[in-house]
Amino acid sequence: MSAPATKDGVAEFLSAIPDLSRADLLEHWDKAHGKPAPKGISRRLLEYSAAYQAQVKVFGGLSAATRRKLDNRAQNVSKTPKKAVKPKKAQGLATGARLVREWHGHNHHVEVIEGGFHYEGETYRSLSVIAREITGTRWSGPRFFGL
């Protein structure tokens, strides 16, 4: 199926894209980009490309000014040196500290002990396990307790 040439044909073409074979999508890519698609490209990206190119053909693409702005931004980004991201330091909790979290109208108290946490008569090594006990779902323990 070739790309539409009229506004009415765009909607029909877009609805037919999921039914196109991979070979048809690769052919659309070749025509649109003037070169073969990269090896291993996903079907989803091929579909997006076909949809975008069909709309550009009928409605027009980006203006020259917008293209210039995008090109300038892309050049500036690639020239910017990348800084190493330092990992955040773990919050050191002092032994004996108490964490309190209100959940569904009930206050939950956790005490920091040597090598873990004490909650409702049990010892835990992880705040995340305690958060899961409280909520019934997976949570980041430090996030749940506001650390």
N, C-alpha and C. Protein backbone atom coordinates (compact mmCIF):
# COMPACT_ATOMS: atom_id res chain seq x y z
N MET A 1 0.86 -1.18 0.00
CA MET A 1 0.00 0.00 0.00
C MET A 1 0.89 1.23 0.00
N SER A 2 0.65 2.12 -0.93
CA SER A 2 1.47 3.33 -1.01
C SER A 2 0.88 4.42 -0.13
N ALA A 3 1.73 5.38 0.22
CA ALA A 3 1.30 6.48 1.08
C ALA A 3 0.23 7.30 0.37
N PRO A 4 -0.72 7.85 1.10
CA PRO A 4 -1.82 8.60 0.51
C PRO A 4 -1.37 9.94 -0.06
N ALA A 5 -2.15 10.43 -1.02
CA ALA A 5 -1.85 11.72 -1.63
C ALA A 5 -2.89 12.76 -1.26
N THR A 6 -3.97 12.35 -0.58
CA THR A 6 -5.03 13.28 -0.20
C THR A 6 -5.31 13.18 1.29
N LYS A 7 -5.98 14.21 1.81
CA LYS A 7 -6.33 14.23 3.23
C LYS A 7 -7.24 13.06 3.60
N ASP A 8 -8.17 12.73 2.71
CA ASP A 8 -9.09 11.62 2.99
C ASP A 8 -8.35 10.28 3.05
N GLY A 9 -7.30 10.17 2.27
CA GLY A 9 -6.55 8.91 2.24
C GLY A 9 -5.67 8.69 3.45
N VAL A 10 -5.35 9.77 4.19
CA VAL A 10 -4.46 9.65 5.35
C VAL A 10 -5.08 8.77 6.43
N ALA A 11 -6.32 9.04 6.79
CA ALA A 11 -6.97 8.26 7.85
C ALA A 11 -7.06 6.79 7.46
N GLU A 12 -7.38 6.53 6.21
CA GLU A 12 -7.47 5.15 5.73
C GLU A 12 -6.09 4.47 5.80
N PHE A 13 -5.05 5.19 5.38
CA PHE A 13 -3.70 4.64 5.41
C PHE A 13 -3.26 4.37 6.85
N LEU A 14 -3.52 5.33 7.75
CA LEU A 14 -3.11 5.17 9.14
C LEU A 14 -3.79 3.95 9.79
N SER A 15 -5.06 3.74 9.47
CA SER A 15 -5.75 2.59 10.05
C SER A 15 -5.27 1.27 9.46
N ALA A 16 -4.67 1.31 8.27
CA ALA A 16 -4.19 0.09 7.62
C ALA A 16 -2.75 -0.26 8.01
N ILE A 17 -2.04 0.66 8.65
CA ILE A 17 -0.62 0.42 8.98
C ILE A 17 -0.41 -0.85 9.80
N PRO A 18 -1.21 -1.12 10.84
CA PRO A 18 -0.96 -2.35 11.62
C PRO A 18 -1.06 -3.63 10.79
N ASP A 19 -1.80 -3.58 9.68
CA ASP A 19 -1.97 -4.76 8.83
C ASP A 19 -0.87 -4.92 7.79
N LEU A 20 -0.01 -3.91 7.63
CA LEU A 20 1.06 -3.99 6.64
C LEU A 20 2.10 -5.02 7.07
N SER A 21 2.68 -5.68 6.09
CA SER A 21 3.75 -6.63 6.39
C SER A 21 5.02 -5.87 6.73
N ARG A 22 5.94 -6.56 7.37
CA ARG A 22 7.23 -5.94 7.69
C ARG A 22 7.94 -5.50 6.41
N ALA A 23 7.82 -6.30 5.35
CA ALA A 23 8.45 -5.96 4.07
C ALA A 23 7.88 -4.65 3.53
N ASP A 24 6.57 -4.47 3.64
CA ASP A 24 5.95 -3.21 3.18
C ASP A 24 6.45 -2.03 4.01
N LEU A 25 6.55 -2.23 5.32
CA LEU A 25 7.03 -1.15 6.19
C LEU A 25 8.48 -0.80 5.87
N LEU A 26 9.29 -1.81 5.59
CA LEU A 26 10.69 -1.55 5.22
C LEU A 26 10.77 -0.80 3.90
N GLU A 27 9.88 -1.12 2.99
CA GLU A 27 9.83 -0.41 1.70
C GLU A 27 9.46 1.06 1.91
N HIS A 28 8.49 1.31 2.79
CA HIS A 28 8.12 2.70 3.12
C HIS A 28 9.33 3.44 3.70
N TRP A 29 10.07 2.77 4.57
CA TRP A 29 11.26 3.38 5.18
C TRP A 29 12.27 3.76 4.09
N ASP A 30 12.54 2.82 3.18
CA ASP A 30 13.51 3.07 2.10
C ASP A 30 13.12 4.31 1.29
N LYS A 31 11.84 4.40 0.94
CA LYS A 31 11.37 5.54 0.14
C LYS A 31 11.46 6.84 0.92
N ALA A 32 11.10 6.80 2.19
CA ALA A 32 11.05 8.01 3.01
C ALA A 32 12.44 8.52 3.37
N HIS A 33 13.36 7.62 3.68
CA HIS A 33 14.67 8.03 4.19
C HIS A 33 15.79 7.91 3.17
N GLY A 34 15.50 7.29 2.03
CA GLY A 34 16.51 7.17 0.99
C GLY A 34 17.61 6.16 1.30
N LYS A 35 17.40 5.34 2.28
CA LYS A 35 18.36 4.29 2.63
C LYS A 35 17.64 3.20 3.41
N PRO A 36 18.24 2.02 3.46
CA PRO A 36 17.58 0.92 4.18
C PRO A 36 17.46 1.21 5.67
N ALA A 37 16.48 0.60 6.26
CA ALA A 37 16.28 0.74 7.71
C ALA A 37 17.42 0.05 8.45
N PRO A 38 17.78 0.55 9.63
CA PRO A 38 18.83 -0.12 10.42
C PRO A 38 18.42 -1.55 10.76
N LYS A 39 19.41 -2.42 10.83
CA LYS A 39 19.13 -3.81 11.19
C LYS A 39 18.55 -3.86 12.60
N GLY A 40 17.57 -4.70 12.78
CA GLY A 40 16.99 -4.88 14.10
C GLY A 40 15.99 -3.81 14.51
N ILE A 41 15.63 -2.92 13.59
CA ILE A 41 14.67 -1.87 13.93
C ILE A 41 13.32 -2.51 14.27
N SER A 42 12.67 -1.97 15.25
CA SER A 42 11.40 -2.56 15.70
C SER A 42 10.27 -2.25 14.72
N ARG A 43 9.32 -3.12 14.71
CA ARG A 43 8.14 -2.92 13.87
C ARG A 43 7.43 -1.62 14.27
N ARG A 44 7.40 -1.36 15.56
CA ARG A 44 6.72 -0.17 16.06
C ARG A 44 7.33 1.10 15.47
N LEU A 45 8.65 1.16 15.43
CA LEU A 45 9.31 2.34 14.87
C LEU A 45 9.05 2.44 13.36
N LEU A 46 9.02 1.31 12.68
CA LEU A 46 8.68 1.33 11.25
C LEU A 46 7.27 1.86 11.03
N GLU A 47 6.35 1.45 11.90
CA GLU A 47 4.97 1.94 11.79
C GLU A 47 4.89 3.43 12.05
N TYR A 48 5.60 3.91 13.09
CA TYR A 48 5.62 5.35 13.38
C TYR A 48 6.17 6.13 12.19
N SER A 49 7.23 5.63 11.60
CA SER A 49 7.84 6.31 10.47
C SER A 49 6.87 6.40 9.29
N ALA A 50 6.22 5.29 8.98
CA ALA A 50 5.26 5.27 7.86
C ALA A 50 4.12 6.25 8.12
N ALA A 51 3.62 6.27 9.36
CA ALA A 51 2.52 7.17 9.70
C ALA A 51 2.96 8.63 9.59
N TYR A 52 4.14 8.94 10.11
CA TYR A 52 4.63 10.31 10.07
C TYR A 52 4.85 10.76 8.63
N GLN A 53 5.50 9.93 7.84
CA GLN A 53 5.80 10.31 6.46
C GLN A 53 4.53 10.50 5.64
N ALA A 54 3.51 9.69 5.88
CA ALA A 54 2.24 9.85 5.17
C ALA A 54 1.61 11.19 5.50
N GLN A 55 1.67 11.58 6.76
CA GLN A 55 1.10 12.86 7.17
C GLN A 55 1.91 14.03 6.63
N VAL A 56 3.22 13.88 6.60
CA VAL A 56 4.07 14.94 6.05
C VAL A 56 3.76 15.14 4.57
N LYS A 57 3.57 14.04 3.85
CA LYS A 57 3.30 14.12 2.42
C LYS A 57 2.03 14.92 2.13
N VAL A 58 1.02 14.74 2.97
CA VAL A 58 -0.27 15.40 2.73
C VAL A 58 -0.36 16.76 3.40
N PHE A 59 0.07 16.86 4.67
CA PHE A 59 -0.13 18.08 5.44
C PHE A 59 1.11 18.97 5.50
N GLY A 60 2.25 18.45 5.12
CA GLY A 60 3.49 19.22 5.21
C GLY A 60 4.26 18.86 6.47
N GLY A 61 5.56 19.09 6.43
CA GLY A 61 6.42 18.73 7.56
C GLY A 61 6.75 19.95 8.40
N LEU A 62 7.88 19.88 9.05
CA LEU A 62 8.33 20.98 9.89
C LEU A 62 8.75 22.16 9.03
N SER A 63 8.55 23.36 9.55
CA SER A 63 8.98 24.55 8.82
C SER A 63 10.50 24.62 8.83
N ALA A 64 11.05 25.40 7.92
CA ALA A 64 12.51 25.55 7.84
C ALA A 64 13.05 26.14 9.14
N ALA A 65 12.33 27.08 9.73
CA ALA A 65 12.77 27.70 10.98
C ALA A 65 12.82 26.67 12.11
N THR A 66 11.82 25.83 12.18
CA THR A 66 11.80 24.79 13.22
C THR A 66 12.93 23.81 13.02
N ARG A 67 13.18 23.44 11.77
CA ARG A 67 14.30 22.53 11.47
C ARG A 67 15.63 23.13 11.90
N ARG A 68 15.82 24.42 11.62
CA ARG A 68 17.07 25.09 12.01
C ARG A 68 17.23 25.07 13.53
N LYS A 69 16.14 25.38 14.25
CA LYS A 69 16.20 25.38 15.71
C LYS A 69 16.58 23.99 16.24
N LEU A 70 15.96 22.97 15.70
CA LEU A 70 16.26 21.61 16.14
C LEU A 70 17.70 21.22 15.82
N ASP A 71 18.17 21.60 14.63
CA ASP A 71 19.56 21.31 14.25
C ASP A 71 20.53 22.01 15.19
N ASN A 72 20.26 23.29 15.49
CA ASN A 72 21.14 24.04 16.40
C ASN A 72 21.16 23.41 17.79
N ARG A 73 20.01 23.04 18.29
CA ARG A 73 19.94 22.42 19.61
C ARG A 73 20.68 21.09 19.62
N ALA A 74 20.52 20.32 18.56
CA ALA A 74 21.20 19.02 18.49
C ALA A 74 22.71 19.20 18.46
N GLN A 75 23.20 20.20 17.75
CA GLN A 75 24.64 20.45 17.70
C GLN A 75 25.15 20.90 19.06
N ASN A 76 24.40 21.75 19.74
CA ASN A 76 24.82 22.22 21.07
C ASN A 76 24.85 21.09 22.09
N VAL A 77 23.89 20.21 22.01
CA VAL A 77 23.84 19.10 22.95
C VAL A 77 25.05 18.19 22.75
N SER A 78 25.38 17.91 21.50
CA SER A 78 26.49 16.99 21.26
C SER A 78 27.84 17.60 21.63
N LYS A 79 27.94 18.92 21.68
CA LYS A 79 29.19 19.58 22.04
C LYS A 79 29.35 19.72 23.55
N THR A 80 28.25 19.61 24.27
CA THR A 80 28.29 19.76 25.71
C THR A 80 28.96 18.54 26.33
N PRO A 81 30.03 18.76 27.11
CA PRO A 81 30.66 17.60 27.74
C PRO A 81 29.73 16.96 28.76
N LYS A 82 29.78 15.66 28.81
CA LYS A 82 28.92 14.95 29.75
C LYS A 82 29.64 14.83 31.08
N LYS A 83 28.93 15.21 32.12
CA LYS A 83 29.49 15.12 33.47
C LYS A 83 29.07 13.80 34.09
N ALA A 84 29.98 13.23 34.82
CA ALA A 84 29.66 12.00 35.53
C ALA A 84 28.66 12.31 36.63
N VAL A 85 27.69 11.46 36.77
CA VAL A 85 26.68 11.63 37.80
C VAL A 85 27.16 10.89 39.04
N LYS A 86 27.26 11.64 40.13
CA LYS A 86 27.68 11.03 41.38
C LYS A 86 26.48 10.37 42.04
N PRO A 87 26.65 9.14 42.48
CA PRO A 87 25.54 8.51 43.17
C PRO A 87 25.25 9.21 44.49
N LYS A 88 23.97 9.25 44.85
CA LYS A 88 23.60 9.87 46.11
C LYS A 88 24.12 9.02 47.26
N LYS A 89 24.54 9.70 48.29
CA LYS A 89 24.99 9.00 49.48
C LYS A 89 23.78 8.43 50.21
N ALA A 90 23.93 7.24 50.69
CA ALA A 90 22.84 6.62 51.45
C ALA A 90 22.63 7.39 52.74
N GLN A 91 21.37 7.56 53.10
CA GLN A 91 21.06 8.24 54.35
C GLN A 91 21.48 7.35 55.50
N GLY A 92 22.37 7.84 56.32
CA GLY A 92 22.77 7.07 57.49
C GLY A 92 21.79 7.32 58.61
N LEU A 93 21.15 6.28 59.06
CA LEU A 93 20.19 6.42 60.16
C LEU A 93 20.87 5.95 61.44
N ALA A 94 20.79 6.76 62.45
CA ALA A 94 21.40 6.42 63.73
C ALA A 94 20.59 5.34 64.43
N THR A 95 21.29 4.43 65.07
CA THR A 95 20.63 3.40 65.87
C THR A 95 19.77 4.08 66.92
N GLY A 96 18.55 3.61 67.05
CA GLY A 96 17.62 4.20 68.01
C GLY A 96 16.66 5.20 67.40
N ALA A 97 16.93 5.62 66.16
CA ALA A 97 16.02 6.56 65.50
C ALA A 97 14.67 5.88 65.26
N ARG A 98 13.60 6.68 65.30
CA ARG A 98 12.27 6.15 65.05
C ARG A 98 11.71 6.77 63.79
N LEU A 99 11.19 5.94 62.93
CA LEU A 99 10.52 6.40 61.72
C LEU A 99 9.03 6.20 61.93
N VAL A 100 8.26 7.22 61.61
CA VAL A 100 6.81 7.13 61.77
C VAL A 100 6.16 7.47 60.44
N ARG A 101 5.23 6.62 60.03
CA ARG A 101 4.50 6.86 58.79
C ARG A 101 3.04 6.58 59.03
N GLU A 102 2.19 7.53 58.66
CA GLU A 102 0.75 7.34 58.76
C GLU A 102 0.29 6.70 57.46
N TRP A 103 -0.46 5.63 57.58
CA TRP A 103 -0.97 4.95 56.39
C TRP A 103 -2.39 4.49 56.67
N HIS A 104 -3.33 5.02 55.91
CA HIS A 104 -4.75 4.69 56.05
C HIS A 104 -5.24 4.87 57.48
N GLY A 105 -4.85 6.01 58.06
CA GLY A 105 -5.34 6.36 59.38
C GLY A 105 -4.65 5.67 60.54
N HIS A 106 -3.61 4.93 60.27
CA HIS A 106 -2.90 4.21 61.33
C HIS A 106 -1.43 4.61 61.29
N ASN A 107 -0.87 4.98 62.46
CA ASN A 107 0.55 5.33 62.53
C ASN A 107 1.39 4.07 62.67
N HIS A 108 2.40 3.96 61.82
CA HIS A 108 3.31 2.82 61.85
C HIS A 108 4.66 3.32 62.34
N HIS A 109 5.19 2.67 63.39
CA HIS A 109 6.45 3.08 64.00
C HIS A 109 7.51 2.03 63.71
N VAL A 110 8.65 2.48 63.20
CA VAL A 110 9.79 1.60 62.92
C VAL A 110 10.98 2.14 63.68
N GLU A 111 11.67 1.27 64.37
CA GLU A 111 12.86 1.68 65.12
C GLU A 111 14.10 1.15 64.40
N VAL A 112 15.10 2.03 64.27
CA VAL A 112 16.37 1.63 63.65
C VAL A 112 17.19 0.92 64.71
N ILE A 113 17.59 -0.32 64.41
CA ILE A 113 18.43 -1.09 65.33
C ILE A 113 19.72 -1.47 64.61
N GLU A 114 20.66 -1.99 65.35
CA GLU A 114 21.93 -2.42 64.77
C GLU A 114 21.66 -3.48 63.70
N GLY A 115 22.02 -3.20 62.46
CA GLY A 115 21.87 -4.17 61.37
C GLY A 115 20.47 -4.29 60.80
N GLY A 116 19.57 -3.37 61.10
CA GLY A 116 18.24 -3.47 60.51
C GLY A 116 17.22 -2.57 61.16
N PHE A 117 15.98 -3.07 61.19
CA PHE A 117 14.85 -2.28 61.66
C PHE A 117 13.93 -3.17 62.48
N HIS A 118 13.27 -2.58 63.46
CA HIS A 118 12.33 -3.30 64.31
C HIS A 118 10.94 -2.74 64.04
N TYR A 119 10.00 -3.62 63.66
CA TYR A 119 8.64 -3.20 63.37
C TYR A 119 7.68 -4.28 63.86
N GLU A 120 6.76 -3.89 64.73
CA GLU A 120 5.72 -4.77 65.28
C GLU A 120 6.27 -6.12 65.75
N GLY A 121 7.33 -6.06 66.55
CA GLY A 121 7.87 -7.26 67.16
C GLY A 121 8.76 -8.10 66.27
N GLU A 122 8.98 -7.67 65.04
CA GLU A 122 9.81 -8.42 64.10
C GLU A 122 11.03 -7.58 63.72
N THR A 123 12.12 -8.26 63.36
CA THR A 123 13.32 -7.59 62.89
C THR A 123 13.41 -7.76 61.38
N TYR A 124 13.69 -6.66 60.69
CA TYR A 124 13.80 -6.65 59.24
C TYR A 124 15.14 -6.04 58.84
N ARG A 125 15.69 -6.50 57.73
CA ARG A 125 16.92 -5.92 57.22
C ARG A 125 16.64 -4.80 56.22
N SER A 126 15.38 -4.69 55.76
CA SER A 126 15.06 -3.75 54.69
C SER A 126 13.80 -2.95 55.01
N LEU A 127 13.87 -1.65 54.78
CA LEU A 127 12.68 -0.81 54.93
C LEU A 127 11.64 -1.13 53.86
N SER A 128 12.11 -1.58 52.70
CA SER A 128 11.18 -1.90 51.62
C SER A 128 10.27 -3.06 51.99
N VAL A 129 10.81 -4.02 52.71
CA VAL A 129 9.99 -5.15 53.16
C VAL A 129 8.92 -4.66 54.14
N ILE A 130 9.30 -3.75 55.00
CA ILE A 130 8.34 -3.19 55.97
C ILE A 130 7.26 -2.40 55.22
N ALA A 131 7.67 -1.60 54.26
CA ALA A 131 6.70 -0.83 53.47
C ALA A 131 5.73 -1.76 52.76
N ARG A 132 6.23 -2.88 52.29
CA ARG A 132 5.37 -3.86 51.62
C ARG A 132 4.39 -4.50 52.62
N GLU A 133 4.87 -4.78 53.83
CA GLU A 133 3.99 -5.32 54.88
C GLU A 133 2.85 -4.35 55.18
N ILE A 134 3.17 -3.08 55.21
CA ILE A 134 2.18 -2.05 55.56
C ILE A 134 1.17 -1.85 54.44
N THR A 135 1.67 -1.74 53.20
CA THR A 135 0.81 -1.35 52.07
C THR A 135 0.25 -2.52 51.28
N GLY A 136 0.95 -3.64 51.32
CA GLY A 136 0.53 -4.78 50.50
C GLY A 136 1.04 -4.70 49.07
N THR A 137 1.82 -3.67 48.75
CA THR A 137 2.40 -3.52 47.41
C THR A 137 3.87 -3.18 47.54
N ARG A 138 4.59 -3.31 46.44
CA ARG A 138 6.02 -3.00 46.45
C ARG A 138 6.23 -1.49 46.51
N TRP A 139 7.06 -1.08 47.43
CA TRP A 139 7.42 0.32 47.61
C TRP A 139 8.92 0.40 47.84
N SER A 140 9.51 1.50 47.50
CA SER A 140 10.86 1.80 47.97
C SER A 140 10.70 2.18 49.43
N GLY A 141 11.35 1.44 50.31
CA GLY A 141 11.23 1.72 51.74
C GLY A 141 11.65 3.13 52.11
N PRO A 142 12.85 3.57 51.68
CA PRO A 142 13.25 4.95 52.00
C PRO A 142 12.25 5.98 51.48
N ARG A 143 11.71 5.74 50.30
CA ARG A 143 10.74 6.69 49.76
C ARG A 143 9.45 6.66 50.58
N PHE A 144 8.99 5.48 50.92
CA PHE A 144 7.76 5.34 51.70
C PHE A 144 7.87 6.09 53.03
N PHE A 145 9.04 6.00 53.66
CA PHE A 145 9.23 6.66 54.96
C PHE A 145 9.77 8.08 54.83
N GLY A 146 9.86 8.59 53.61
CA GLY A 146 10.24 9.99 53.40
C GLY A 146 11.70 10.29 53.60
N LEU A 147 12.57 9.32 53.37
CA LEU A 147 14.02 9.54 53.55
C LEU A 147 14.66 10.00 52.25
